[in-house]
Amino acid sequence: MTNILLKLSARDLVHADLASCGWAGSDHQLAGVAKQLERARIGEVDYLAVCPATNIPVAKGGVDYQVKDGVGTLWQLAVHPALQSCGIGTFLVEASELRIRSRGLRQAELAVEESNPRARALYERLGYVAYDRQPDSWDEQAPDGSLRRYETICTLMRKELA
């Protein structure tokens, strides 16, 4: 899948990419992504990198097939902050949906933080519909390296794939 205007491609994220993904989160977050790559190796998830011609990731995200039967759950989607609002997030979501359909599945779901209206607007533009909300939390690394629990409320969204 390529985007002619930006000459983007989507491929599997690999361990070697993590060194150039500092824009996507802390060392703690990237260590978590590294663990997900082991799950990708055994087929439980797809973890994608969106790259321009340089082949260095400018966006990344996963599709987890273990959350709910028959559903691909998009998660950990991120676009380089300097490149947001350039169509890269749309490309990432569409590439993820292609992976879901290639497994014979017809439904995609995701959770978006209620404090992130830009992301929610993107997902709505792409056909996702809110169906519930739920609390979520995860460990977040502070600038001093310590971990703290981050708590939020997410809107759950789904899309039927053609």
N, C-alpha and C. Protein backbone atom coordinates (compact mmCIF):
# COMPACT_ATOMS: atom_id res chain seq x y z
N MET A 1 0.85 -1.18 0.00
CA MET A 1 0.00 0.00 0.00
C MET A 1 0.90 1.25 0.00
N THR A 2 0.73 2.13 -0.98
CA THR A 2 1.56 3.34 -1.02
C THR A 2 0.70 4.57 -1.25
N ASN A 3 1.21 5.69 -0.81
CA ASN A 3 0.56 6.98 -1.00
C ASN A 3 1.46 7.77 -1.95
N ILE A 4 0.96 8.06 -3.14
CA ILE A 4 1.77 8.68 -4.18
C ILE A 4 2.30 10.05 -3.74
N LEU A 5 1.43 10.87 -3.15
CA LEU A 5 1.81 12.23 -2.79
C LEU A 5 2.98 12.26 -1.80
N LEU A 6 2.91 11.46 -0.75
CA LEU A 6 3.96 11.44 0.26
C LEU A 6 4.93 10.28 0.06
N LYS A 7 4.67 9.42 -0.91
CA LYS A 7 5.51 8.23 -1.16
C LYS A 7 5.72 7.43 0.12
N LEU A 8 4.61 7.11 0.77
CA LEU A 8 4.66 6.34 2.00
C LEU A 8 4.47 4.86 1.70
N SER A 9 5.01 4.02 2.56
CA SER A 9 4.72 2.60 2.51
C SER A 9 4.54 2.10 3.94
N ALA A 10 3.79 1.02 4.07
CA ALA A 10 3.58 0.39 5.37
C ALA A 10 4.26 -0.97 5.32
N ARG A 11 5.00 -1.27 6.38
CA ARG A 11 5.69 -2.56 6.49
C ARG A 11 5.66 -2.95 7.96
N ASP A 12 6.12 -4.17 8.25
CA ASP A 12 6.21 -4.61 9.63
C ASP A 12 7.29 -3.79 10.35
N LEU A 13 6.97 -3.34 11.55
CA LEU A 13 7.96 -2.69 12.41
C LEU A 13 8.92 -3.78 12.89
N VAL A 14 10.21 -3.47 12.94
CA VAL A 14 11.20 -4.44 13.41
C VAL A 14 12.00 -3.80 14.55
N HIS A 15 12.67 -4.65 15.34
CA HIS A 15 13.44 -4.17 16.50
C HIS A 15 14.40 -3.05 16.12
N ALA A 16 15.04 -3.15 14.96
CA ALA A 16 16.01 -2.13 14.55
C ALA A 16 15.37 -0.76 14.38
N ASP A 17 14.06 -0.70 14.15
CA ASP A 17 13.37 0.59 13.99
C ASP A 17 13.25 1.36 15.30
N LEU A 18 13.27 0.66 16.42
CA LEU A 18 12.97 1.30 17.71
C LEU A 18 13.96 2.43 18.03
N ALA A 19 15.20 2.29 17.59
CA ALA A 19 16.21 3.33 17.85
C ALA A 19 15.83 4.67 17.22
N SER A 20 15.04 4.64 16.13
CA SER A 20 14.65 5.88 15.47
C SER A 20 13.21 6.29 15.79
N CYS A 21 12.61 5.67 16.82
CA CYS A 21 11.22 5.96 17.18
C CYS A 21 11.10 6.72 18.50
N GLY A 22 12.13 7.44 18.90
CA GLY A 22 12.08 8.20 20.15
C GLY A 22 10.92 9.18 20.20
N TRP A 23 10.48 9.67 19.05
CA TRP A 23 9.33 10.58 18.97
C TRP A 23 8.04 9.91 19.44
N ALA A 24 8.02 8.55 19.46
CA ALA A 24 6.78 7.82 19.76
C ALA A 24 6.59 7.55 21.24
N GLY A 25 7.56 7.94 22.07
CA GLY A 25 7.37 7.72 23.49
C GLY A 25 8.68 7.52 24.22
N SER A 26 8.54 7.29 25.52
CA SER A 26 9.69 7.12 26.41
C SER A 26 10.37 5.77 26.17
N ASP A 27 11.53 5.59 26.81
CA ASP A 27 12.22 4.30 26.76
C ASP A 27 11.29 3.19 27.27
N HIS A 28 10.52 3.49 28.32
CA HIS A 28 9.59 2.51 28.88
C HIS A 28 8.55 2.10 27.84
N GLN A 29 7.98 3.09 27.13
CA GLN A 29 6.97 2.78 26.10
C GLN A 29 7.59 1.96 24.97
N LEU A 30 8.79 2.33 24.54
CA LEU A 30 9.43 1.61 23.44
C LEU A 30 9.83 0.20 23.86
N ALA A 31 10.15 -0.01 25.13
CA ALA A 31 10.42 -1.37 25.62
C ALA A 31 9.13 -2.20 25.52
N GLY A 32 8.00 -1.56 25.78
CA GLY A 32 6.71 -2.25 25.63
C GLY A 32 6.45 -2.62 24.18
N VAL A 33 6.80 -1.72 23.25
CA VAL A 33 6.64 -2.02 21.83
C VAL A 33 7.53 -3.21 21.46
N ALA A 34 8.75 -3.24 21.98
CA ALA A 34 9.66 -4.36 21.70
C ALA A 34 9.02 -5.69 22.12
N LYS A 35 8.32 -5.69 23.27
CA LYS A 35 7.63 -6.91 23.71
C LYS A 35 6.52 -7.29 22.72
N GLN A 36 5.83 -6.28 22.17
CA GLN A 36 4.76 -6.56 21.21
C GLN A 36 5.32 -7.17 19.93
N LEU A 37 6.57 -6.83 19.58
CA LEU A 37 7.16 -7.41 18.38
C LEU A 37 7.33 -8.92 18.52
N GLU A 38 7.51 -9.41 19.75
CA GLU A 38 7.54 -10.86 19.97
C GLU A 38 6.17 -11.46 19.69
N ARG A 39 5.12 -10.77 20.08
CA ARG A 39 3.76 -11.24 19.78
C ARG A 39 3.51 -11.21 18.27
N ALA A 40 4.08 -10.22 17.58
CA ALA A 40 3.93 -10.15 16.12
C ALA A 40 4.59 -11.36 15.46
N ARG A 41 5.74 -11.74 16.00
CA ARG A 41 6.48 -12.87 15.44
C ARG A 41 5.64 -14.15 15.44
N ILE A 42 4.78 -14.31 16.45
CA ILE A 42 3.96 -15.53 16.53
C ILE A 42 2.54 -15.31 16.00
N GLY A 43 2.28 -14.13 15.40
CA GLY A 43 1.02 -13.91 14.70
C GLY A 43 -0.14 -13.41 15.52
N GLU A 44 0.08 -13.09 16.81
CA GLU A 44 -1.03 -12.58 17.63
C GLU A 44 -1.38 -11.14 17.29
N VAL A 45 -0.40 -10.40 16.80
CA VAL A 45 -0.59 -8.99 16.45
C VAL A 45 0.15 -8.70 15.15
N ASP A 46 -0.26 -7.62 14.49
CA ASP A 46 0.55 -7.00 13.45
C ASP A 46 1.04 -5.69 14.05
N TYR A 47 2.29 -5.35 13.81
CA TYR A 47 2.80 -4.05 14.28
C TYR A 47 3.43 -3.37 13.07
N LEU A 48 2.84 -2.25 12.67
CA LEU A 48 3.21 -1.60 11.42
C LEU A 48 4.09 -0.37 11.62
N ALA A 49 4.93 -0.14 10.64
CA ALA A 49 5.71 1.10 10.52
C ALA A 49 5.30 1.75 9.21
N VAL A 50 5.01 3.05 9.26
CA VAL A 50 4.77 3.82 8.04
C VAL A 50 6.03 4.63 7.78
N CYS A 51 6.55 4.48 6.56
CA CYS A 51 7.84 5.08 6.23
C CYS A 51 7.78 5.84 4.90
N PRO A 52 8.52 6.96 4.82
CA PRO A 52 8.75 7.59 3.51
C PRO A 52 9.89 6.85 2.81
N ALA A 53 10.41 7.41 1.74
CA ALA A 53 11.45 6.75 0.95
C ALA A 53 12.70 6.40 1.76
N THR A 54 12.97 7.12 2.85
CA THR A 54 14.14 6.85 3.69
C THR A 54 14.05 5.51 4.42
N ASN A 55 12.82 4.93 4.50
CA ASN A 55 12.55 3.69 5.21
C ASN A 55 12.69 3.84 6.73
N ILE A 56 12.71 5.08 7.24
CA ILE A 56 12.73 5.34 8.68
C ILE A 56 11.29 5.66 9.11
N PRO A 57 10.77 4.96 10.12
CA PRO A 57 9.36 5.15 10.50
C PRO A 57 9.01 6.58 10.91
N VAL A 58 7.87 7.07 10.39
CA VAL A 58 7.31 8.35 10.79
C VAL A 58 5.95 8.14 11.49
N ALA A 59 5.50 6.88 11.52
CA ALA A 59 4.28 6.51 12.24
C ALA A 59 4.38 5.02 12.55
N LYS A 60 3.67 4.61 13.62
CA LYS A 60 3.66 3.21 13.99
C LYS A 60 2.35 2.90 14.70
N GLY A 61 2.01 1.62 14.66
CA GLY A 61 0.80 1.22 15.35
C GLY A 61 0.57 -0.27 15.22
N GLY A 62 -0.24 -0.79 16.13
CA GLY A 62 -0.48 -2.22 16.16
C GLY A 62 -1.93 -2.58 15.91
N VAL A 63 -2.11 -3.84 15.52
CA VAL A 63 -3.43 -4.46 15.43
C VAL A 63 -3.35 -5.73 16.26
N ASP A 64 -4.16 -5.79 17.30
CA ASP A 64 -4.17 -6.95 18.20
C ASP A 64 -5.37 -7.82 17.84
N TYR A 65 -5.11 -9.10 17.58
CA TYR A 65 -6.17 -10.03 17.18
C TYR A 65 -6.64 -10.88 18.36
N GLN A 66 -6.11 -10.62 19.56
CA GLN A 66 -6.42 -11.44 20.73
C GLN A 66 -7.43 -10.77 21.68
N VAL A 67 -7.77 -9.50 21.45
CA VAL A 67 -8.64 -8.77 22.38
C VAL A 67 -10.07 -9.30 22.32
N LYS A 68 -10.59 -9.48 21.10
CA LYS A 68 -11.98 -9.89 20.91
C LYS A 68 -12.06 -10.78 19.68
N ASP A 69 -12.78 -11.89 19.77
CA ASP A 69 -12.90 -12.81 18.63
C ASP A 69 -13.43 -12.11 17.39
N GLY A 70 -12.77 -12.35 16.26
CA GLY A 70 -13.25 -11.84 14.99
C GLY A 70 -13.03 -10.36 14.76
N VAL A 71 -12.23 -9.72 15.62
CA VAL A 71 -12.04 -8.26 15.54
C VAL A 71 -10.54 -7.96 15.55
N GLY A 72 -10.14 -7.01 14.73
CA GLY A 72 -8.79 -6.45 14.82
C GLY A 72 -8.87 -5.18 15.65
N THR A 73 -8.14 -5.11 16.75
CA THR A 73 -8.17 -3.94 17.63
C THR A 73 -6.92 -3.10 17.39
N LEU A 74 -7.12 -1.90 16.86
CA LEU A 74 -6.01 -0.98 16.61
C LEU A 74 -5.58 -0.37 17.94
N TRP A 75 -4.26 -0.27 18.15
CA TRP A 75 -3.77 0.32 19.40
C TRP A 75 -2.35 0.81 19.21
N GLN A 76 -1.93 1.70 20.12
CA GLN A 76 -0.59 2.28 20.12
C GLN A 76 -0.28 3.00 18.81
N LEU A 77 -1.30 3.65 18.23
CA LEU A 77 -1.10 4.41 17.00
C LEU A 77 -0.40 5.72 17.33
N ALA A 78 0.64 6.05 16.58
CA ALA A 78 1.36 7.31 16.80
C ALA A 78 1.97 7.78 15.49
N VAL A 79 1.89 9.10 15.27
CA VAL A 79 2.52 9.76 14.13
C VAL A 79 3.52 10.76 14.69
N HIS A 80 4.68 10.85 14.06
CA HIS A 80 5.70 11.83 14.48
C HIS A 80 5.02 13.19 14.65
N PRO A 81 5.19 13.83 15.82
CA PRO A 81 4.48 15.09 16.09
C PRO A 81 4.67 16.16 15.02
N ALA A 82 5.85 16.25 14.42
CA ALA A 82 6.10 17.28 13.41
C ALA A 82 5.38 16.99 12.10
N LEU A 83 4.84 15.77 11.96
CA LEU A 83 4.21 15.36 10.70
C LEU A 83 2.72 15.09 10.84
N GLN A 84 2.14 15.47 11.98
CA GLN A 84 0.71 15.26 12.17
C GLN A 84 -0.07 16.19 11.25
N SER A 85 -1.29 15.76 10.89
CA SER A 85 -2.18 16.50 9.99
C SER A 85 -1.66 16.55 8.55
N CYS A 86 -0.86 15.54 8.18
CA CYS A 86 -0.34 15.43 6.80
C CYS A 86 -0.91 14.20 6.09
N GLY A 87 -1.88 13.53 6.69
CA GLY A 87 -2.45 12.34 6.07
C GLY A 87 -1.79 11.04 6.47
N ILE A 88 -0.77 11.11 7.30
CA ILE A 88 -0.03 9.90 7.68
C ILE A 88 -0.87 9.01 8.60
N GLY A 89 -1.62 9.62 9.51
CA GLY A 89 -2.49 8.83 10.39
C GLY A 89 -3.56 8.09 9.60
N THR A 90 -4.13 8.76 8.60
CA THR A 90 -5.12 8.11 7.73
C THR A 90 -4.48 6.91 7.03
N PHE A 91 -3.27 7.11 6.51
CA PHE A 91 -2.55 6.04 5.83
C PHE A 91 -2.32 4.86 6.78
N LEU A 92 -1.92 5.15 8.02
CA LEU A 92 -1.66 4.12 9.02
C LEU A 92 -2.93 3.33 9.33
N VAL A 93 -4.04 4.03 9.55
CA VAL A 93 -5.30 3.34 9.86
C VAL A 93 -5.73 2.47 8.68
N GLU A 94 -5.64 3.02 7.46
CA GLU A 94 -6.05 2.25 6.28
C GLU A 94 -5.15 1.03 6.07
N ALA A 95 -3.85 1.16 6.32
CA ALA A 95 -2.94 0.02 6.20
C ALA A 95 -3.29 -1.04 7.25
N SER A 96 -3.66 -0.58 8.46
CA SER A 96 -4.05 -1.50 9.53
C SER A 96 -5.33 -2.24 9.16
N GLU A 97 -6.29 -1.52 8.59
CA GLU A 97 -7.55 -2.16 8.17
C GLU A 97 -7.29 -3.19 7.07
N LEU A 98 -6.34 -2.92 6.19
CA LEU A 98 -5.98 -3.88 5.14
C LEU A 98 -5.45 -5.17 5.77
N ARG A 99 -4.62 -5.03 6.81
CA ARG A 99 -4.11 -6.22 7.51
C ARG A 99 -5.26 -7.01 8.13
N ILE A 100 -6.22 -6.31 8.73
CA ILE A 100 -7.36 -6.98 9.36
C ILE A 100 -8.15 -7.75 8.30
N ARG A 101 -8.46 -7.08 7.18
CA ARG A 101 -9.21 -7.74 6.10
C ARG A 101 -8.43 -8.93 5.52
N SER A 102 -7.10 -8.82 5.47
CA SER A 102 -6.30 -9.92 4.90
C SER A 102 -6.38 -11.17 5.76
N ARG A 103 -6.81 -11.03 7.02
CA ARG A 103 -7.01 -12.19 7.90
C ARG A 103 -8.45 -12.68 7.82
N GLY A 104 -9.24 -12.10 6.92
CA GLY A 104 -10.62 -12.54 6.77
C GLY A 104 -11.57 -11.93 7.78
N LEU A 105 -11.12 -10.93 8.53
CA LEU A 105 -11.97 -10.29 9.54
C LEU A 105 -12.64 -9.07 8.93
N ARG A 106 -13.80 -8.71 9.48
CA ARG A 106 -14.59 -7.61 8.91
C ARG A 106 -14.91 -6.51 9.92
N GLN A 107 -14.24 -6.53 11.07
CA GLN A 107 -14.53 -5.48 12.05
C GLN A 107 -13.23 -5.00 12.69
N ALA A 108 -13.12 -3.66 12.78
CA ALA A 108 -11.99 -3.02 13.45
C ALA A 108 -12.53 -2.23 14.63
N GLU A 109 -11.78 -2.24 15.72
CA GLU A 109 -12.15 -1.44 16.88
C GLU A 109 -10.91 -0.72 17.39
N LEU A 110 -11.15 0.34 18.15
CA LEU A 110 -10.07 1.08 18.79
C LEU A 110 -10.64 1.85 19.97
N ALA A 111 -9.74 2.32 20.82
CA ALA A 111 -10.13 3.17 21.95
C ALA A 111 -9.34 4.46 21.80
N VAL A 112 -10.01 5.59 21.97
CA VAL A 112 -9.34 6.89 21.87
C VAL A 112 -9.59 7.66 23.17
N GLU A 113 -8.53 8.26 23.68
CA GLU A 113 -8.68 9.04 24.91
C GLU A 113 -9.65 10.19 24.69
N GLU A 114 -10.52 10.43 25.67
CA GLU A 114 -11.48 11.53 25.54
C GLU A 114 -10.77 12.88 25.52
N SER A 115 -9.51 12.92 25.98
CA SER A 115 -8.73 14.16 25.95
C SER A 115 -8.02 14.36 24.60
N ASN A 116 -8.35 13.55 23.59
CA ASN A 116 -7.70 13.63 22.28
C ASN A 116 -8.74 13.81 21.18
N PRO A 117 -9.37 15.00 21.11
CA PRO A 117 -10.43 15.20 20.11
C PRO A 117 -9.92 15.16 18.67
N ARG A 118 -8.67 15.52 18.43
CA ARG A 118 -8.14 15.46 17.05
C ARG A 118 -8.12 14.03 16.54
N ALA A 119 -7.65 13.10 17.37
CA ALA A 119 -7.62 11.70 16.96
C ALA A 119 -9.04 11.19 16.75
N ARG A 120 -9.94 11.53 17.67
CA ARG A 120 -11.32 11.05 17.52
C ARG A 120 -11.93 11.57 16.22
N ALA A 121 -11.66 12.83 15.88
CA ALA A 121 -12.20 13.40 14.63
C ALA A 121 -11.66 12.62 13.43
N LEU A 122 -10.40 12.25 13.47
CA LEU A 122 -9.81 11.44 12.38
C LEU A 122 -10.56 10.12 12.26
N TYR A 123 -10.73 9.42 13.37
CA TYR A 123 -11.37 8.11 13.33
C TYR A 123 -12.81 8.23 12.83
N GLU A 124 -13.52 9.29 13.25
CA GLU A 124 -14.89 9.50 12.77
C GLU A 124 -14.89 9.74 11.26
N ARG A 125 -13.94 10.55 10.77
CA ARG A 125 -13.83 10.79 9.32
C ARG A 125 -13.60 9.49 8.55
N LEU A 126 -12.91 8.54 9.21
CA LEU A 126 -12.60 7.27 8.56
C LEU A 126 -13.70 6.22 8.77
N GLY A 127 -14.81 6.62 9.39
CA GLY A 127 -15.96 5.73 9.49
C GLY A 127 -16.13 5.00 10.81
N TYR A 128 -15.32 5.33 11.81
CA TYR A 128 -15.47 4.70 13.13
C TYR A 128 -16.61 5.36 13.89
N VAL A 129 -17.37 4.54 14.62
CA VAL A 129 -18.54 5.01 15.36
C VAL A 129 -18.36 4.65 16.83
N ALA A 130 -18.58 5.63 17.71
CA ALA A 130 -18.47 5.40 19.15
C ALA A 130 -19.60 4.47 19.60
N TYR A 131 -19.27 3.52 20.50
CA TYR A 131 -20.31 2.63 21.03
C TYR A 131 -20.25 2.49 22.55
N ASP A 132 -19.19 2.98 23.20
CA ASP A 132 -19.11 2.85 24.65
C ASP A 132 -17.93 3.71 25.13
N ARG A 133 -17.78 3.79 26.44
CA ARG A 133 -16.60 4.44 27.02
C ARG A 133 -16.16 3.62 28.21
N GLN A 134 -14.85 3.68 28.52
CA GLN A 134 -14.34 2.90 29.64
C GLN A 134 -13.06 3.54 30.16
N PRO A 135 -12.78 3.33 31.46
CA PRO A 135 -11.51 3.81 31.99
C PRO A 135 -10.37 2.94 31.47
N ASP A 136 -9.19 3.51 31.40
CA ASP A 136 -7.99 2.78 31.01
C ASP A 136 -6.84 3.37 31.81
N SER A 137 -5.76 2.61 31.92
CA SER A 137 -4.58 3.12 32.62
C SER A 137 -3.36 2.34 32.18
N TRP A 138 -2.21 2.97 32.34
CA TRP A 138 -0.94 2.32 32.01
C TRP A 138 0.17 3.06 32.72
N ASP A 139 1.33 2.41 32.81
CA ASP A 139 2.50 3.04 33.42
C ASP A 139 3.12 4.00 32.43
N GLU A 140 3.49 5.18 32.95
CA GLU A 140 4.07 6.24 32.13
C GLU A 140 5.39 6.65 32.79
N GLN A 141 6.41 6.87 31.97
CA GLN A 141 7.72 7.24 32.49
C GLN A 141 7.83 8.75 32.65
N ALA A 142 8.20 9.19 33.84
CA ALA A 142 8.42 10.61 34.11
C ALA A 142 9.81 11.01 33.59
N PRO A 143 10.05 12.33 33.43
CA PRO A 143 11.36 12.78 32.94
C PRO A 143 12.54 12.25 33.77
N ASP A 144 12.32 12.01 35.07
CA ASP A 144 13.42 11.50 35.91
C ASP A 144 13.59 9.98 35.80
N GLY A 145 12.77 9.34 34.95
CA GLY A 145 12.89 7.90 34.74
C GLY A 145 11.96 7.06 35.60
N SER A 146 11.34 7.68 36.60
CA SER A 146 10.42 6.91 37.47
C SER A 146 9.12 6.63 36.71
N LEU A 147 8.40 5.60 37.17
CA LEU A 147 7.13 5.25 36.55
C LEU A 147 5.99 5.72 37.43
N ARG A 148 4.92 6.19 36.78
CA ARG A 148 3.70 6.54 37.51
C ARG A 148 2.53 6.00 36.72
N ARG A 149 1.43 5.78 37.40
CA ARG A 149 0.23 5.24 36.75
C ARG A 149 -0.53 6.39 36.12
N TYR A 150 -0.80 6.28 34.83
CA TYR A 150 -1.59 7.28 34.09
C TYR A 150 -2.99 6.71 33.94
N GLU A 151 -4.00 7.50 34.31
CA GLU A 151 -5.38 7.05 34.22
C GLU A 151 -6.16 7.99 33.32
N THR A 152 -7.06 7.41 32.53
CA THR A 152 -7.81 8.19 31.55
C THR A 152 -9.15 7.51 31.27
N ILE A 153 -9.99 8.19 30.51
CA ILE A 153 -11.24 7.62 30.03
C ILE A 153 -11.15 7.57 28.50
N CYS A 154 -11.50 6.43 27.93
CA CYS A 154 -11.44 6.25 26.49
C CYS A 154 -12.83 6.01 25.91
N THR A 155 -13.04 6.53 24.70
CA THR A 155 -14.23 6.22 23.91
C THR A 155 -13.89 5.02 23.04
N LEU A 156 -14.74 4.00 23.09
CA LEU A 156 -14.54 2.82 22.25
C LEU A 156 -15.28 3.05 20.93
N MET A 157 -14.57 2.75 19.83
CA MET A 157 -15.12 2.99 18.49
C MET A 157 -14.95 1.73 17.66
N ARG A 158 -15.87 1.53 16.71
CA ARG A 158 -15.78 0.37 15.81
C ARG A 158 -16.17 0.76 14.39
N LYS A 159 -15.70 -0.07 13.47
CA LYS A 159 -16.02 0.12 12.05
C LYS A 159 -16.20 -1.23 11.41
N GLU A 160 -17.25 -1.36 10.61
CA GLU A 160 -17.44 -2.56 9.78
C GLU A 160 -16.60 -2.36 8.53
N LEU A 161 -15.77 -3.35 8.22
CA LEU A 161 -14.91 -3.27 7.05
C LEU A 161 -15.58 -3.96 5.87
N ALA A 162 -15.51 -3.32 4.72
CA ALA A 162 -16.17 -3.88 3.51
C ALA A 162 -15.40 -5.09 3.01
